[in-house]
Amino acid sequence: MLPKSGDVLRVTKAASVQFAQPMLFRVIRVHEWSTYDGWAWLDGYQLNVTGDAVERRSIFVQLRGLQPARIGHGVPAPRPRAAVG
């Protein structure tokens, strides 16, 4: 699964051993940097249990280990952004 901006993911040890403690992550961007096959650098925000951003991070993960976050199972949907203008 190649994530896209705005996706909320559950990142676990399946994505990288550094995530023995699972976390929620909202994707800002997927870098197009050359990496190992099936791996990617993601920029985004680590989320708390209520869906609020607590830290901006760049993470290196195996794409096949990423899990989409499920709405209604303790993981909130991304909040709509207010219109600017």
PDB file of N, CA and C in Angstrom:
ATOM      1  N   MET A   1       0.848  -1.182   0.000  1.00  0.00           N
ATOM      2  CA  MET A   1       0.000   0.000   0.000  1.00  0.00           C
ATOM      3  C   MET A   1       0.885   1.234   0.000  1.00  0.00           C
ATOM      4  N   LEU A   2       0.725   2.089  -0.968  1.00  0.00           N
ATOM      5  CA  LEU A   2       1.446   3.357  -1.006  1.00  0.00           C
ATOM      6  C   LEU A   2       0.524   4.427  -0.419  1.00  0.00           C
ATOM      7  N   PRO A   3       0.858   4.942   0.757  1.00  0.00           N
ATOM      8  CA  PRO A   3      -0.011   5.941   1.371  1.00  0.00           C
ATOM      9  C   PRO A   3       0.017   7.253   0.603  1.00  0.00           C
ATOM     10  N   LYS A   4      -0.964   8.093   0.899  1.00  0.00           N
ATOM     11  CA  LYS A   4      -1.020   9.423   0.299  1.00  0.00           C
ATOM     12  C   LYS A   4      -1.285  10.447   1.393  1.00  0.00           C
ATOM     13  N   SER A   5      -1.093  11.682   1.063  1.00  0.00           N
ATOM     14  CA  SER A   5      -1.281  12.769   2.013  1.00  0.00           C
ATOM     15  C   SER A   5      -2.670  12.699   2.642  1.00  0.00           C
ATOM     16  N   GLY A   6      -2.717  12.801   3.966  1.00  0.00           N
ATOM     17  CA  GLY A   6      -3.978  12.759   4.690  1.00  0.00           C
ATOM     18  C   GLY A   6      -4.340  11.397   5.244  1.00  0.00           C
ATOM     19  N   ASP A   7      -3.702  10.332   4.751  1.00  0.00           N
ATOM     20  CA  ASP A   7      -3.985   8.986   5.266  1.00  0.00           C
ATOM     21  C   ASP A   7      -3.570   8.892   6.728  1.00  0.00           C
ATOM     22  N   VAL A   8      -4.374   8.182   7.508  1.00  0.00           N
ATOM     23  CA  VAL A   8      -4.026   7.881   8.893  1.00  0.00           C
ATOM     24  C   VAL A   8      -3.682   6.401   8.948  1.00  0.00           C
ATOM     25  N   LEU A   9      -2.496   6.113   9.474  1.00  0.00           N
ATOM     26  CA  LEU A   9      -1.975   4.746   9.493  1.00  0.00           C
ATOM     27  C   LEU A   9      -1.689   4.292  10.911  1.00  0.00           C
ATOM     28  N   ARG A  10      -1.779   2.999  11.119  1.00  0.00           N
ATOM     29  CA  ARG A  10      -1.285   2.377  12.342  1.00  0.00           C
ATOM     30  C   ARG A  10       0.071   1.792  11.965  1.00  0.00           C
ATOM     31  N   VAL A  11       1.110   2.285  12.603  1.00  0.00           N
ATOM     32  CA  VAL A  11       2.476   1.857  12.291  1.00  0.00           C
ATOM     33  C   VAL A  11       2.946   0.950  13.424  1.00  0.00           C
ATOM     34  N   THR A  12       3.305  -0.285  13.072  1.00  0.00           N
ATOM     35  CA  THR A  12       3.697  -1.284  14.056  1.00  0.00           C
ATOM     36  C   THR A  12       5.052  -1.880  13.691  1.00  0.00           C
ATOM     37  N   LYS A  13       5.457  -2.873  14.461  1.00  0.00           N
ATOM     38  CA  LYS A  13       6.708  -3.572  14.211  1.00  0.00           C
ATOM     39  C   LYS A  13       6.720  -4.227  12.839  1.00  0.00           C
ATOM     40  N   ALA A  14       5.543  -4.487  12.258  1.00  0.00           N
ATOM     41  CA  ALA A  14       5.477  -5.059  10.907  1.00  0.00           C
ATOM     42  C   ALA A  14       6.056  -4.096   9.870  1.00  0.00           C
ATOM     43  N   ALA A  15       6.033  -2.786  10.169  1.00  0.00           N
ATOM     44  CA  ALA A  15       6.572  -1.783   9.257  1.00  0.00           C
ATOM     45  C   ALA A  15       8.060  -1.538   9.501  1.00  0.00           C
ATOM     46  N   SER A  16       8.501  -1.703  10.746  1.00  0.00           N
ATOM     47  CA  SER A  16       9.912  -1.558  11.100  1.00  0.00           C
ATOM     48  C   SER A  16      10.071  -1.916  12.571  1.00  0.00           C
ATOM     49  N   VAL A  17      11.176  -2.557  12.904  1.00  0.00           N
ATOM     50  CA  VAL A  17      11.399  -2.981  14.288  1.00  0.00           C
ATOM     51  C   VAL A  17      11.423  -1.813  15.269  1.00  0.00           C
ATOM     52  N   GLN A  18      11.664  -0.605  14.784  1.00  0.00           N
ATOM     53  CA  GLN A  18      11.689   0.550  15.687  1.00  0.00           C
ATOM     54  C   GLN A  18      10.312   0.878  16.252  1.00  0.00           C
ATOM     55  N   PHE A  19       9.255   0.286  15.680  1.00  0.00           N
ATOM     56  CA  PHE A  19       7.891   0.566  16.135  1.00  0.00           C
ATOM     57  C   PHE A  19       7.321  -0.606  16.930  1.00  0.00           C
ATOM     58  N   ALA A  20       8.110  -1.124  17.880  1.00  0.00           N
ATOM     59  CA  ALA A  20       7.634  -2.187  18.771  1.00  0.00           C
ATOM     60  C   ALA A  20       6.409  -1.690  19.544  1.00  0.00           C
ATOM     61  N   GLN A  21       6.393  -0.387  19.828  1.00  0.00           N
ATOM     62  CA  GLN A  21       5.225   0.260  20.427  1.00  0.00           C
ATOM     63  C   GLN A  21       4.447   0.908  19.281  1.00  0.00           C
ATOM     64  N   PRO A  22       3.274   0.379  18.911  1.00  0.00           N
ATOM     65  CA  PRO A  22       2.528   0.924  17.759  1.00  0.00           C
ATOM     66  C   PRO A  22       2.187   2.406  17.942  1.00  0.00           C
ATOM     67  N   MET A  23       2.049   3.086  16.823  1.00  0.00           N
ATOM     68  CA  MET A  23       1.645   4.492  16.870  1.00  0.00           C
ATOM     69  C   MET A  23       0.708   4.795  15.712  1.00  0.00           C
ATOM     70  N   LEU A  24      -0.058   5.862  15.888  1.00  0.00           N
ATOM     71  CA  LEU A  24      -0.894   6.390  14.818  1.00  0.00           C
ATOM     72  C   LEU A  24      -0.108   7.487  14.126  1.00  0.00           C
ATOM     73  N   PHE A  25      -0.254   7.560  12.804  1.00  0.00           N
ATOM     74  CA  PHE A  25       0.556   8.481  12.006  1.00  0.00           C
ATOM     75  C   PHE A  25      -0.284   9.030  10.865  1.00  0.00           C
ATOM     76  N   ARG A  26      -0.346  10.366  10.760  1.00  0.00           N
ATOM     77  CA  ARG A  26      -1.033  11.016   9.639  1.00  0.00           C
ATOM     78  C   ARG A  26       0.023  11.457   8.633  1.00  0.00           C
ATOM     79  N   VAL A  27      -0.120  10.999   7.404  1.00  0.00           N
ATOM     80  CA  VAL A  27       0.865  11.242   6.350  1.00  0.00           C
ATOM     81  C   VAL A  27       0.729  12.662   5.805  1.00  0.00           C
ATOM     82  N   ILE A  28       1.867  13.339   5.691  1.00  0.00           N
ATOM     83  CA  ILE A  28       1.937  14.619   4.986  1.00  0.00           C
ATOM     84  C   ILE A  28       2.393  14.367   3.555  1.00  0.00           C
ATOM     85  N   ARG A  29       3.469  13.567   3.427  1.00  0.00           N
ATOM     86  CA  ARG A  29       3.988  13.263   2.088  1.00  0.00           C
ATOM     87  C   ARG A  29       4.796  11.983   2.111  1.00  0.00           C
ATOM     88  N   VAL A  30       4.895  11.380   0.938  1.00  0.00           N
ATOM     89  CA  VAL A  30       5.746  10.220   0.721  1.00  0.00           C
ATOM     90  C   VAL A  30       6.906  10.706  -0.143  1.00  0.00           C
ATOM     91  N   HIS A  31       8.115  10.570   0.357  1.00  0.00           N
ATOM     92  CA  HIS A  31       9.273  11.012  -0.412  1.00  0.00           C
ATOM     93  C   HIS A  31       9.539  10.055  -1.569  1.00  0.00           C
ATOM     94  N   GLU A  32      10.054  10.581  -2.649  1.00  0.00           N
ATOM     95  CA  GLU A  32      10.391   9.777  -3.823  1.00  0.00           C
ATOM     96  C   GLU A  32      11.876   9.430  -3.837  1.00  0.00           C
ATOM     97  N   TRP A  33      12.481   9.400  -2.671  1.00  0.00           N
ATOM     98  CA  TRP A  33      13.895   9.079  -2.563  1.00  0.00           C
ATOM     99  C   TRP A  33      14.132   7.619  -2.906  1.00  0.00           C
ATOM    100  N   SER A  34      15.283   7.327  -3.471  1.00  0.00           N
ATOM    101  CA  SER A  34      15.660   5.959  -3.784  1.00  0.00           C
ATOM    102  C   SER A  34      15.976   5.226  -2.478  1.00  0.00           C
ATOM    103  N   THR A  35      15.288   4.107  -2.245  1.00  0.00           N
ATOM    104  CA  THR A  35      15.486   3.313  -1.030  1.00  0.00           C
ATOM    105  C   THR A  35      15.478   1.836  -1.402  1.00  0.00           C
ATOM    106  N   TYR A  36      15.489   1.008  -0.413  1.00  0.00           N
ATOM    107  CA  TYR A  36      15.356  -0.425  -0.643  1.00  0.00           C
ATOM    108  C   TYR A  36      13.971  -0.712  -1.218  1.00  0.00           C
ATOM    109  N   ASP A  37      13.861  -1.762  -2.023  1.00  0.00           N
ATOM    110  CA  ASP A  37      12.592  -2.140  -2.620  1.00  0.00           C
ATOM    111  C   ASP A  37      11.553  -2.414  -1.531  1.00  0.00           C
ATOM    112  N   GLY A  38      10.396  -1.759  -1.648  1.00  0.00           N
ATOM    113  CA  GLY A  38       9.311  -1.966  -0.687  1.00  0.00           C
ATOM    114  C   GLY A  38       9.378  -1.085   0.548  1.00  0.00           C
ATOM    115  N   TRP A  39      10.358  -0.197   0.619  1.00  0.00           N
ATOM    116  CA  TRP A  39      10.518   0.716   1.751  1.00  0.00           C
ATOM    117  C   TRP A  39      10.288   2.149   1.277  1.00  0.00           C
ATOM    118  N   ALA A  40       9.915   3.035   2.214  1.00  0.00           N
ATOM    119  CA  ALA A  40       9.702   4.437   1.868  1.00  0.00           C
ATOM    120  C   ALA A  40       9.919   5.332   3.087  1.00  0.00           C
ATOM    121  N   TRP A  41      10.293   6.566   2.796  1.00  0.00           N
ATOM    122  CA  TRP A  41      10.359   7.619   3.815  1.00  0.00           C
ATOM    123  C   TRP A  41       9.043   8.377   3.794  1.00  0.00           C
ATOM    124  N   LEU A  42       8.421   8.535   4.966  1.00  0.00           N
ATOM    125  CA  LEU A  42       7.167   9.277   5.102  1.00  0.00           C
ATOM    126  C   LEU A  42       7.374  10.449   6.048  1.00  0.00           C
ATOM    127  N   ASP A  43       6.804  11.587   5.705  1.00  0.00           N
ATOM    128  CA  ASP A  43       6.730  12.725   6.619  1.00  0.00           C
ATOM    129  C   ASP A  43       5.301  12.798   7.116  1.00  0.00           C
ATOM    130  N   GLY A  44       5.148  13.152   8.390  1.00  0.00           N
ATOM    131  CA  GLY A  44       3.798  13.280   8.921  1.00  0.00           C
ATOM    132  C   GLY A  44       3.804  13.608  10.390  1.00  0.00           C
ATOM    133  N   TYR A  45       2.662  13.332  11.017  1.00  0.00           N
ATOM    134  CA  TYR A  45       2.466  13.634  12.426  1.00  0.00           C
ATOM    135  C   TYR A  45       2.102  12.380  13.191  1.00  0.00           C
ATOM    136  N   GLN A  46       2.789  12.176  14.306  1.00  0.00           N
ATOM    137  CA  GLN A  46       2.375  11.145  15.239  1.00  0.00           C
ATOM    138  C   GLN A  46       1.140  11.667  15.945  1.00  0.00           C
ATOM    139  N   LEU A  47       0.119  10.823  16.077  1.00  0.00           N
ATOM    140  CA  LEU A  47      -1.149  11.225  16.678  1.00  0.00           C
ATOM    141  C   LEU A  47      -1.328  10.579  18.038  1.00  0.00           C
ATOM    142  N   ASN A  48      -2.059  11.271  18.925  1.00  0.00           N
ATOM    143  CA  ASN A  48      -2.429  10.646  20.193  1.00  0.00           C
ATOM    144  C   ASN A  48      -3.751   9.897  20.002  1.00  0.00           C
ATOM    145  N   VAL A  49      -4.285   9.322  21.062  1.00  0.00           N
ATOM    146  CA  VAL A  49      -5.486   8.489  20.935  1.00  0.00           C
ATOM    147  C   VAL A  49      -6.728   9.279  20.520  1.00  0.00           C
ATOM    148  N   THR A  50      -6.711  10.589  20.698  1.00  0.00           N
ATOM    149  CA  THR A  50      -7.854  11.400  20.271  1.00  0.00           C
ATOM    150  C   THR A  50      -7.682  11.953  18.860  1.00  0.00           C
ATOM    151  N   GLY A  51      -6.546  11.631  18.219  1.00  0.00           N
ATOM    152  CA  GLY A  51      -6.320  12.057  16.844  1.00  0.00           C
ATOM    153  C   GLY A  51      -5.617  13.385  16.694  1.00  0.00           C
ATOM    154  N   ASP A  52      -5.149  13.944  17.801  1.00  0.00           N
ATOM    155  CA  ASP A  52      -4.420  15.213  17.747  1.00  0.00           C
ATOM    156  C   ASP A  52      -2.943  14.956  17.459  1.00  0.00           C
ATOM    157  N   ALA A  53      -2.354  15.808  16.652  1.00  0.00           N
ATOM    158  CA  ALA A  53      -0.925  15.695  16.340  1.00  0.00           C
ATOM    159  C   ALA A  53      -0.123  16.049  17.587  1.00  0.00           C
ATOM    160  N   VAL A  54       0.841  15.183  17.917  1.00  0.00           N
ATOM    161  CA  VAL A  54       1.682  15.442  19.084  1.00  0.00           C
ATOM    162  C   VAL A  54       3.147  15.659  18.717  1.00  0.00           C
ATOM    163  N   GLU A  55       3.542  15.166  17.527  1.00  0.00           N
ATOM    164  CA  GLU A  55       4.932  15.342  17.106  1.00  0.00           C
ATOM    165  C   GLU A  55       5.042  15.156  15.602  1.00  0.00           C
ATOM    166  N   ARG A  56       5.788  16.052  14.961  1.00  0.00           N
ATOM    167  CA  ARG A  56       6.076  15.868  13.534  1.00  0.00           C
ATOM    168  C   ARG A  56       7.263  14.923  13.399  1.00  0.00           C
ATOM    169  N   ARG A  57       7.153  13.966  12.455  1.00  0.00           N
ATOM    170  CA  ARG A  57       8.203  12.955  12.315  1.00  0.00           C
ATOM    171  C   ARG A  57       8.428  12.603  10.865  1.00  0.00           C
ATOM    172  N   SER A  58       9.625  12.100  10.594  1.00  0.00           N
ATOM    173  CA  SER A  58       9.953  11.439   9.333  1.00  0.00           C
ATOM    174  C   SER A  58      10.275  10.003   9.710  1.00  0.00           C
ATOM    175  N   ILE A  59       9.623   9.050   9.042  1.00  0.00           N
ATOM    176  CA  ILE A  59       9.827   7.646   9.384  1.00  0.00           C
ATOM    177  C   ILE A  59      10.177   6.846   8.135  1.00  0.00           C
ATOM    178  N   PHE A  60      10.967   5.798   8.317  1.00  0.00           N
ATOM    179  CA  PHE A  60      11.396   4.904   7.253  1.00  0.00           C
ATOM    180  C   PHE A  60      10.728   3.562   7.509  1.00  0.00           C
ATOM    181  N   VAL A  61       9.863   3.131   6.600  1.00  0.00           N
ATOM    182  CA  VAL A  61       9.015   1.964   6.855  1.00  0.00           C
ATOM    183  C   VAL A  61       8.920   1.037   5.654  1.00  0.00           C
ATOM    184  N   GLN A  62       8.606  -0.220   5.954  1.00  0.00           N
ATOM    185  CA  GLN A  62       8.236  -1.184   4.918  1.00  0.00           C
ATOM    186  C   GLN A  62       6.777  -0.933   4.582  1.00  0.00           C
ATOM    187  N   LEU A  63       6.495  -0.684   3.314  1.00  0.00           N
ATOM    188  CA  LEU A  63       5.130  -0.347   2.912  1.00  0.00           C
ATOM    189  C   LEU A  63       4.147  -1.471   3.213  1.00  0.00           C
ATOM    190  N   ARG A  64       4.552  -2.716   3.034  1.00  0.00           N
ATOM    191  CA  ARG A  64       3.617  -3.823   3.261  1.00  0.00           C
ATOM    192  C   ARG A  64       3.251  -3.985   4.731  1.00  0.00           C
ATOM    193  N   GLY A  65       4.004  -3.369   5.632  1.00  0.00           N
ATOM    194  CA  GLY A  65       3.707  -3.463   7.057  1.00  0.00           C
ATOM    195  C   GLY A  65       2.785  -2.377   7.576  1.00  0.00           C
ATOM    196  N   LEU A  66       2.433  -1.403   6.735  1.00  0.00           N
ATOM    197  CA  LEU A  66       1.554  -0.317   7.164  1.00  0.00           C
ATOM    198  C   LEU A  66       0.108  -0.797   7.210  1.00  0.00           C
ATOM    199  N   GLN A  67      -0.624  -0.302   8.202  1.00  0.00           N
ATOM    200  CA  GLN A  67      -2.033  -0.667   8.360  1.00  0.00           C
ATOM    201  C   GLN A  67      -2.885   0.592   8.314  1.00  0.00           C
ATOM    202  N   PRO A  68      -3.930   0.600   7.476  1.00  0.00           N
ATOM    203  CA  PRO A  68      -4.817   1.760   7.520  1.00  0.00           C
ATOM    204  C   PRO A  68      -5.517   1.804   8.865  1.00  0.00           C
ATOM    205  N   ALA A  69      -5.661   2.992   9.407  1.00  0.00           N
ATOM    206  CA  ALA A  69      -6.363   3.147  10.678  1.00  0.00           C
ATOM    207  C   ALA A  69      -7.854   2.988  10.435  1.00  0.00           C
ATOM    208  N   ARG A  70      -8.521   2.345  11.367  1.00  0.00           N
ATOM    209  CA  ARG A  70      -9.957   2.093  11.219  1.00  0.00           C
ATOM    210  C   ARG A  70     -10.745   3.117  12.001  1.00  0.00           C
ATOM    211  N   ILE A  71     -11.653   3.734  11.329  1.00  0.00           N
ATOM    212  CA  ILE A  71     -12.520   4.721  11.962  1.00  0.00           C
ATOM    213  C   ILE A  71     -13.566   3.974  12.782  1.00  0.00           C
ATOM    214  N   GLY A  72     -13.773   4.452  13.998  1.00  0.00           N
ATOM    215  CA  GLY A  72     -14.736   3.804  14.870  1.00  0.00           C
ATOM    216  C   GLY A  72     -14.124   2.738  15.755  1.00  0.00           C
ATOM    217  N   HIS A  73     -12.832   2.514  15.668  1.00  0.00           N
ATOM    218  CA  HIS A  73     -12.150   1.551  16.523  1.00  0.00           C
ATOM    219  C   HIS A  73     -11.079   2.262  17.347  1.00  0.00           C
ATOM    220  N   GLY A  74     -11.429   3.412  17.891  1.00  0.00           N
ATOM    221  CA  GLY A  74     -10.486   4.157  18.693  1.00  0.00           C
ATOM    222  C   GLY A  74      -9.561   5.040  17.874  1.00  0.00           C
ATOM    223  N   VAL A  75      -9.760   5.077  16.558  1.00  0.00           N
ATOM    224  CA  VAL A  75      -8.923   5.898  15.691  1.00  0.00           C
ATOM    225  C   VAL A  75      -9.822   6.880  14.953  1.00  0.00           C
ATOM    226  N   PRO A  76      -9.637   8.164  15.189  1.00  0.00           N
ATOM    227  CA  PRO A  76     -10.499   9.152  14.555  1.00  0.00           C
ATOM    228  C   PRO A  76     -10.175   9.361  13.084  1.00  0.00           C
ATOM    229  N   ALA A  77     -11.162   9.823  12.360  1.00  0.00           N
ATOM    230  CA  ALA A  77     -10.961  10.221  10.978  1.00  0.00           C
ATOM    231  C   ALA A  77     -10.174  11.527  10.956  1.00  0.00           C
ATOM    232  N   PRO A  78      -9.457  11.802   9.882  1.00  0.00           N
ATOM    233  CA  PRO A  78      -8.793  13.106   9.777  1.00  0.00           C
ATOM    234  C   PRO A  78      -9.837  14.229   9.875  1.00  0.00           C
ATOM    235  N   ARG A  79      -9.479  15.266  10.566  1.00  0.00           N
ATOM    236  CA  ARG A  79     -10.409  16.392  10.716  1.00  0.00           C
ATOM    237  C   ARG A  79     -10.408  17.231   9.440  1.00  0.00           C
ATOM    238  N   PRO A  80     -11.589  17.663   9.000  1.00  0.00           N
ATOM    239  CA  PRO A  80     -11.623  18.542   7.826  1.00  0.00           C
ATOM    240  C   PRO A  80     -10.940  19.863   8.142  1.00  0.00           C
ATOM    241  N   ARG A  81     -10.299  20.430   7.155  1.00  0.00           N
ATOM    242  CA  ARG A  81      -9.631  21.715   7.333  1.00  0.00           C
ATOM    243  C   ARG A  81     -10.595  22.838   6.981  1.00  0.00           C
ATOM    244  N   ALA A  82     -10.471  23.903   7.737  1.00  0.00           N
ATOM    245  CA  ALA A  82     -11.310  25.078   7.488  1.00  0.00           C
ATOM    246  C   ALA A  82     -10.881  25.726   6.169  1.00  0.00           C
ATOM    247  N   ALA A  83     -11.844  26.237   5.457  1.00  0.00           N
ATOM    248  CA  ALA A  83     -11.552  26.921   4.193  1.00  0.00           C
ATOM    249  C   ALA A  83     -10.811  28.226   4.489  1.00  0.00           C
ATOM    250  N   VAL A  84      -9.828  28.519   3.674  1.00  0.00           N
ATOM    251  CA  VAL A  84      -9.064  29.751   3.826  1.00  0.00           C
ATOM    252  C   VAL A  84      -9.423  30.661   2.666  1.00  0.00           C
ATOM    253  N   GLY A  85      -9.668  31.876   2.981  1.00  0.00           N
ATOM    254  CA  GLY A  85      -9.899  32.706   1.831  1.00  0.00           C
ATOM    255  C   GLY A  85     -10.730  33.843   2.104  1.00  0.00           C
TER     256      GLY A  85
END
